[in-house]
Amino acid sequence: MAPVTDQQRPDAVAGSSSRWLHVLSWMGSLAMFALALWLLHRYLTGLAWHDVVAAWSQLPARRIAYSVAAAAVSFAMLAMFDVLAARTVVGARISAGFAAFAGAVTQGISNTLGFHAITGVALRYRIYATAGLGTGDIARIVGLAGFGVGLGFVVVVAGALCWQPAITQGWGRLPGVGLLLLLLALLVWLARRPATFKLWRWDLALPSAGTAAAQMLIGGIEMLAAISALYVLLPAGVAPPFVDFLPIYVGAVLAGIVSHSPGGIGVFETIMLASFPPQARPELLAAMMCYRLIYSLLPFVLASMALGGFEWRLRRRRRGG
């Protein structure tokens, strides 16, 4: 048996540490999800479901239409992240329409199923691979699209803190300005950046400063549209100002992502219910159920149908060839 060299030992230790971190991450996510379900059960105990049904029946059709429109804008912007990422990584090798299709289908399905790191990558790989893109290019597109989504979160949070620092008891303007300065510094750095950025063993494609600025704009619009899709459904009597509702929504979304629950279900609702007075829970629950149908179920169904049509045409073309 060959002796274990000094070079092999650090690799083994690193692999073991990585596995333990992965296990601890999943244990933390499961614990968060279990806590959210327990709290959600407590919030819903004693809730009269006929009140929820009554609140649902009283949702104005006009507000539901506004929510659908806002959701459509949100998903259109999510698709644009793929367009910008594909243009940065592969240029004109694929069309903007194809990249937008890949982004819209991926977001429509993975937002509902959750596990974005798995479902999002798998769906994009399946679609982009049919256009002849390799694994490396697809990974770079995935990374850049995710980078754009992250920029959207930062832009909206920074704007909210600067606009109304009272959200954080009056001191929010300082971190808000700090975030804006970091975004500006990022643009300056990207304007002078190398073509690629080496992270460990990977060469990452970086957007130009112009592309990153476009990602910030698109990300801000996407986040505001996603928030509006729920905000317009909230009961008017207890709905806070939009800028106060913004951090509640962002926090609930981030907690849902960290928990790895499908679509953040359970965790998202728990944080929302905890942020409103108990007497508003029937109306709030009705609004969230309607929001789930509009922002999760409807895009999931449409994206699944589009993916099914894409696979059918692909197989038909292959049989014809």
Protein backbone atom coordinates (compact mmCIF):
# COMPACT_ATOMS: atom_id res chain seq x y z
CA MET A 1 0.00 0.00 0.00
CA ALA A 2 1.39 3.39 -1.01
CA PRO A 3 2.17 5.74 1.87
CA VAL A 4 0.04 8.84 2.37
CA THR A 5 2.04 11.89 1.37
CA ASP A 6 1.97 15.28 3.07
CA GLN A 7 0.15 16.69 0.05
CA GLN A 8 -2.63 14.12 0.33
CA ARG A 9 -3.29 14.78 4.02
CA PRO A 10 -4.41 18.42 3.64
CA ASP A 11 -6.69 17.39 0.75
CA ALA A 12 -8.30 14.71 2.92
CA VAL A 13 -8.72 17.15 5.82
CA ALA A 14 -10.22 19.79 3.50
CA GLY A 15 -12.66 17.26 2.05
CA SER A 16 -13.73 16.12 5.51
CA SER A 17 -14.20 19.71 6.66
CA SER A 18 -16.26 20.48 3.59
CA ARG A 19 -18.53 17.50 4.24
CA TRP A 20 -19.02 18.52 7.87
CA LEU A 21 -19.84 22.09 6.88
CA HIS A 22 -22.36 20.76 4.37
CA VAL A 23 -23.99 18.57 7.03
CA LEU A 24 -24.08 21.42 9.55
CA SER A 25 -25.60 23.72 6.93
CA TRP A 26 -28.40 21.27 6.23
CA MET A 27 -28.98 20.65 9.95
CA GLY A 28 -29.27 24.41 10.51
CA SER A 29 -31.69 24.73 7.61
CA LEU A 30 -33.84 21.87 8.92
CA ALA A 31 -33.85 23.40 12.40
CA MET A 32 -34.96 26.76 10.96
CA PHE A 33 -37.69 25.09 8.93
CA ALA A 34 -38.93 23.12 11.97
CA LEU A 35 -38.99 26.27 14.11
CA ALA A 36 -40.91 28.12 11.41
CA LEU A 37 -43.50 25.33 11.18
CA TRP A 38 -43.94 25.32 14.96
CA LEU A 39 -44.43 29.09 15.04
CA LEU A 40 -46.76 28.93 12.05
CA HIS A 41 -48.86 26.32 13.86
CA ARG A 42 -49.07 28.61 16.89
CA TYR A 43 -50.08 31.60 14.79
CA LEU A 44 -52.80 29.63 13.00
CA THR A 45 -54.18 27.92 16.10
CA GLY A 46 -57.58 29.33 16.87
CA LEU A 47 -57.81 31.10 13.53
CA ALA A 48 -61.32 30.85 12.13
CA TRP A 49 -60.95 29.62 8.58
CA HIS A 50 -64.31 31.02 7.58
CA ASP A 51 -62.78 34.44 8.28
CA VAL A 52 -59.95 33.61 5.88
CA VAL A 53 -62.46 32.50 3.23
CA ALA A 54 -64.46 35.67 3.76
CA ALA A 55 -61.31 37.78 3.43
CA TRP A 56 -60.41 35.89 0.24
CA SER A 57 -63.84 36.56 -1.28
CA GLN A 58 -63.46 40.26 -0.52
CA LEU A 59 -60.15 40.69 -2.34
CA PRO A 60 -60.83 43.28 -5.06
CA ALA A 61 -60.38 42.00 -8.61
CA ARG A 62 -58.50 45.20 -9.42
CA ARG A 63 -55.85 44.44 -6.78
CA ILE A 64 -55.51 40.87 -8.01
CA ALA A 65 -54.94 42.20 -11.54
CA TYR A 66 -52.28 44.59 -10.18
CA SER A 67 -50.58 41.67 -8.47
CA VAL A 68 -50.54 39.61 -11.67
CA ALA A 69 -49.05 42.55 -13.58
CA ALA A 70 -46.37 43.09 -10.93
CA ALA A 71 -45.49 39.38 -10.96
CA ALA A 72 -45.17 39.49 -14.76
CA VAL A 73 -42.75 42.43 -14.51
CA SER A 74 -40.74 40.60 -11.85
CA PHE A 75 -40.30 37.47 -13.96
CA ALA A 76 -39.50 39.50 -17.06
CA MET A 77 -36.66 41.13 -15.14
CA LEU A 78 -35.47 37.75 -13.85
CA ALA A 79 -35.29 36.56 -17.45
CA MET A 80 -33.21 39.63 -18.32
CA PHE A 81 -30.50 38.49 -15.90
CA ASP A 82 -29.90 35.48 -18.13
CA VAL A 83 -29.84 37.68 -21.21
CA LEU A 84 -27.12 39.89 -19.74
CA ALA A 85 -25.18 36.91 -18.36
CA ALA A 86 -25.28 35.02 -21.66
CA ARG A 87 -24.20 38.09 -23.60
CA THR A 88 -21.24 38.53 -21.24
CA VAL A 89 -20.14 34.89 -21.35
CA VAL A 90 -20.86 33.69 -24.90
CA GLY A 91 -21.68 36.85 -26.82
CA ALA A 92 -23.83 36.22 -29.90
CA ARG A 93 -23.51 32.43 -29.82
CA ILE A 94 -27.10 32.23 -28.53
CA SER A 95 -29.95 34.67 -29.11
CA ALA A 96 -31.36 36.99 -26.46
CA GLY A 97 -34.74 35.30 -26.84
CA PHE A 98 -33.26 31.88 -26.08
CA ALA A 99 -31.49 33.21 -22.98
CA ALA A 100 -34.68 34.95 -21.82
CA PHE A 101 -36.58 31.68 -22.27
CA ALA A 102 -33.98 29.81 -20.21
CA GLY A 103 -34.12 32.42 -17.45
CA ALA A 104 -37.91 32.61 -17.30
CA VAL A 105 -38.40 28.84 -17.28
CA THR A 106 -35.68 28.33 -14.68
CA GLN A 107 -37.03 31.00 -12.35
CA GLY A 108 -40.65 29.92 -12.77
CA ILE A 109 -39.83 26.36 -11.72
CA SER A 110 -37.01 26.80 -9.20
CA ASN A 111 -38.80 29.61 -7.31
CA THR A 112 -41.54 27.12 -6.49
CA LEU A 113 -39.49 23.96 -5.99
CA GLY A 114 -36.76 25.72 -3.99
CA PHE A 115 -33.20 24.36 -3.80
CA HIS A 116 -32.09 26.99 -6.34
CA ALA A 117 -28.52 25.73 -6.34
CA ILE A 118 -29.77 22.37 -7.64
CA THR A 119 -32.91 23.05 -9.66
CA GLY A 120 -31.67 26.30 -11.19
CA VAL A 121 -28.38 24.80 -12.32
CA ALA A 122 -29.98 21.61 -13.64
CA LEU A 123 -32.64 23.45 -15.65
CA ARG A 124 -30.20 25.93 -17.14
CA TYR A 125 -27.78 23.14 -18.02
CA ARG A 126 -30.52 21.21 -19.80
CA ILE A 127 -31.67 24.21 -21.84
CA TYR A 128 -28.32 25.80 -22.64
CA ALA A 129 -26.67 22.48 -23.47
CA THR A 130 -29.12 22.06 -26.37
CA ALA A 131 -27.58 25.22 -27.86
CA GLY A 132 -24.12 23.68 -27.73
CA LEU A 133 -22.80 25.48 -24.65
CA GLY A 134 -20.29 23.65 -22.49
CA THR A 135 -20.38 23.11 -18.75
CA GLY A 136 -17.94 25.93 -18.06
CA ASP A 137 -19.94 28.52 -20.00
CA ILE A 138 -23.19 27.41 -18.39
CA ALA A 139 -21.65 27.64 -14.92
CA ARG A 140 -20.48 31.18 -15.68
CA ILE A 141 -23.96 32.16 -16.88
CA VAL A 142 -25.48 30.74 -13.71
CA GLY A 143 -23.00 32.63 -11.57
CA LEU A 144 -23.54 35.95 -13.32
CA ALA A 145 -27.34 35.61 -13.23
CA GLY A 146 -27.19 34.89 -9.49
CA PHE A 147 -24.84 37.84 -9.06
CA GLY A 148 -27.46 40.08 -10.67
CA VAL A 149 -30.20 38.84 -8.34
CA GLY A 150 -27.94 39.56 -5.38
CA LEU A 151 -27.26 43.07 -6.65
CA GLY A 152 -31.02 43.63 -6.81
CA PHE A 153 -31.37 42.77 -3.12
CA VAL A 154 -28.56 45.14 -2.19
CA VAL A 155 -29.89 48.02 -4.31
CA VAL A 156 -33.39 47.82 -2.85
CA VAL A 157 -32.22 47.49 0.75
CA ALA A 158 -29.74 50.36 0.35
CA GLY A 159 -32.41 52.56 -1.21
CA ALA A 160 -34.90 51.79 1.53
CA LEU A 161 -32.38 52.57 4.28
CA CYS A 162 -31.42 55.87 2.68
CA TRP A 163 -35.03 56.83 1.94
CA GLN A 164 -36.40 56.09 5.38
CA PRO A 165 -33.75 55.40 8.03
CA ALA A 166 -36.47 55.14 10.69
CA ILE A 167 -36.84 51.52 9.56
CA THR A 168 -33.87 50.79 11.82
CA GLN A 169 -34.68 53.23 14.62
CA GLY A 170 -33.11 56.20 12.86
CA TRP A 171 -29.57 54.97 12.16
CA GLY A 172 -30.30 53.20 8.89
CA ARG A 173 -29.03 55.96 6.61
CA LEU A 174 -25.40 55.23 7.52
CA PRO A 175 -25.40 51.55 6.39
CA GLY A 176 -27.58 52.56 3.44
CA VAL A 177 -24.99 55.08 2.24
CA GLY A 178 -22.28 52.50 2.94
CA LEU A 179 -24.01 49.97 0.68
CA LEU A 180 -24.40 52.55 -2.08
CA LEU A 181 -20.70 53.41 -1.83
CA LEU A 182 -19.82 49.73 -2.08
CA LEU A 183 -21.94 49.43 -5.22
CA LEU A 184 -20.22 52.47 -6.70
CA ALA A 185 -16.81 51.03 -5.79
CA LEU A 186 -17.80 47.78 -7.49
CA LEU A 187 -18.61 49.64 -10.71
CA VAL A 188 -15.29 51.51 -10.58
CA TRP A 189 -13.42 48.24 -10.03
CA LEU A 190 -15.26 46.49 -12.86
CA ALA A 191 -14.40 49.37 -15.19
CA ARG A 192 -10.71 48.59 -14.56
CA ARG A 193 -11.04 44.84 -14.08
CA PRO A 194 -9.25 42.04 -15.94
CA ALA A 195 -11.25 39.93 -18.37
CA THR A 196 -11.64 37.17 -15.79
CA PHE A 197 -11.33 36.83 -12.04
CA LYS A 198 -9.64 33.74 -10.59
CA LEU A 199 -11.37 32.32 -7.51
CA TRP A 200 -9.51 29.28 -6.20
CA ARG A 201 -9.45 26.95 -9.21
CA TRP A 202 -12.15 28.68 -11.25
CA ASP A 203 -11.87 31.49 -13.76
CA LEU A 204 -15.00 33.61 -13.35
CA ALA A 205 -16.31 35.80 -16.15
CA LEU A 206 -17.00 39.29 -14.88
CA PRO A 207 -19.51 41.74 -16.27
CA SER A 208 -18.44 45.10 -17.57
CA ALA A 209 -19.26 48.14 -15.47
CA GLY A 210 -22.11 48.92 -17.85
CA THR A 211 -23.54 45.42 -17.57
CA ALA A 212 -23.28 45.51 -13.76
CA ALA A 213 -25.07 48.87 -13.71
CA ALA A 214 -27.80 47.35 -15.88
CA GLN A 215 -28.01 44.41 -13.47
CA MET A 216 -28.47 46.83 -10.57
CA LEU A 217 -31.26 48.64 -12.38
CA ILE A 218 -32.97 45.42 -13.46
CA GLY A 219 -32.51 43.92 -9.99
CA GLY A 220 -34.05 46.95 -8.33
CA ILE A 221 -37.06 46.84 -10.66
CA GLU A 222 -37.44 43.08 -10.15
CA MET A 223 -37.40 43.31 -6.37
CA LEU A 224 -39.83 46.24 -6.26
CA ALA A 225 -42.20 44.37 -8.61
CA ALA A 226 -42.01 41.18 -6.54
CA ILE A 227 -42.73 43.11 -3.35
CA SER A 228 -45.59 44.97 -5.02
CA ALA A 229 -47.18 41.67 -6.09
CA LEU A 230 -47.87 40.96 -2.41
CA TYR A 231 -48.19 44.51 -1.12
CA VAL A 232 -51.20 45.36 -3.31
CA LEU A 233 -53.06 42.39 -1.81
CA LEU A 234 -52.50 43.38 1.83
CA PRO A 235 -55.48 44.60 3.88
CA ALA A 236 -55.54 48.37 3.53
CA GLY A 237 -56.27 48.95 7.21
CA VAL A 238 -53.05 47.37 8.48
CA ALA A 239 -50.68 47.63 5.50
CA PRO A 240 -47.59 49.63 6.50
CA PRO A 241 -46.01 52.15 4.13
CA PHE A 242 -44.34 50.40 1.21
CA VAL A 243 -40.84 51.34 2.34
CA ASP A 244 -41.53 49.84 5.80
CA PHE A 245 -42.88 46.66 4.25
CA LEU A 246 -39.81 46.25 2.04
CA PRO A 247 -37.35 44.95 4.70
CA ILE A 248 -40.03 42.57 6.05
CA TYR A 249 -40.44 41.02 2.61
CA VAL A 250 -36.70 40.87 1.88
CA GLY A 251 -36.02 39.27 5.26
CA ALA A 252 -38.78 36.70 4.73
CA VAL A 253 -37.45 35.80 1.27
CA LEU A 254 -33.86 35.44 2.48
CA ALA A 255 -34.98 33.29 5.42
CA GLY A 256 -36.92 31.07 3.02
CA ILE A 257 -33.86 30.66 0.80
CA VAL A 258 -31.62 29.78 3.76
CA SER A 259 -34.14 27.24 5.05
CA HIS A 260 -34.12 25.37 1.70
CA SER A 261 -37.87 24.83 2.01
CA PRO A 262 -39.65 24.60 -1.36
CA GLY A 263 -40.39 28.18 -2.37
CA GLY A 264 -39.65 29.27 1.20
CA ILE A 265 -43.08 27.97 2.18
CA GLY A 266 -43.74 28.01 5.89
CA VAL A 267 -40.77 30.24 6.70
CA PHE A 268 -41.98 33.12 4.52
CA GLU A 269 -45.50 32.95 5.93
CA THR A 270 -44.28 32.74 9.53
CA ILE A 271 -42.23 35.93 9.26
CA MET A 272 -45.09 37.73 7.58
CA LEU A 273 -47.63 36.69 10.21
CA ALA A 274 -45.22 37.68 12.98
CA SER A 275 -44.87 41.17 11.48
CA PHE A 276 -48.57 42.04 11.58
CA PRO A 277 -51.06 42.35 14.46
CA PRO A 278 -53.04 39.17 15.31
CA GLN A 279 -56.38 40.71 14.32
CA ALA A 280 -55.13 41.13 10.75
CA ARG A 281 -54.12 37.49 10.29
CA PRO A 282 -57.23 36.29 8.39
CA GLU A 283 -56.86 39.07 5.80
CA LEU A 284 -53.08 38.64 5.70
CA LEU A 285 -53.32 34.89 5.22
CA ALA A 286 -55.83 35.34 2.39
CA ALA A 287 -53.49 37.83 0.73
CA MET A 288 -50.52 35.46 1.04
CA MET A 289 -52.51 32.54 -0.36
CA CYS A 290 -53.51 34.65 -3.35
CA TYR A 291 -49.91 35.80 -3.72
CA ARG A 292 -48.67 32.20 -3.67
CA LEU A 293 -51.08 31.32 -6.47
CA ILE A 294 -50.01 34.32 -8.55
CA TYR A 295 -46.28 34.41 -7.90
CA SER A 296 -45.50 30.73 -7.33
CA LEU A 297 -48.12 28.36 -8.75
CA LEU A 298 -49.04 30.25 -11.95
CA PRO A 299 -45.41 30.79 -13.09
CA PHE A 300 -44.61 27.18 -12.18
CA VAL A 301 -47.45 25.86 -14.36
CA LEU A 302 -46.62 28.16 -17.27
CA ALA A 303 -42.88 27.44 -17.05
CA SER A 304 -43.51 23.67 -16.85
CA MET A 305 -45.73 23.83 -19.92
CA ALA A 306 -43.11 25.88 -21.78
CA LEU A 307 -40.38 23.41 -20.83
CA GLY A 308 -42.57 20.51 -21.93
CA GLY A 309 -43.16 22.21 -25.29
CA PHE A 310 -39.43 22.86 -25.64
CA GLU A 311 -38.60 19.20 -24.98
CA TRP A 312 -41.30 18.04 -27.42
CA ARG A 313 -39.99 20.26 -30.23
CA LEU A 314 -36.43 19.18 -29.48
CA ARG A 315 -37.24 15.48 -29.69
CA ARG A 316 -39.34 16.00 -32.79
CA ARG A 317 -36.47 17.84 -34.49
CA ARG A 318 -34.06 15.05 -33.55
CA ARG A 319 -36.37 12.37 -34.92
CA GLY A 320 -36.79 14.37 -38.12
CA GLY A 321 -33.00 14.73 -38.41
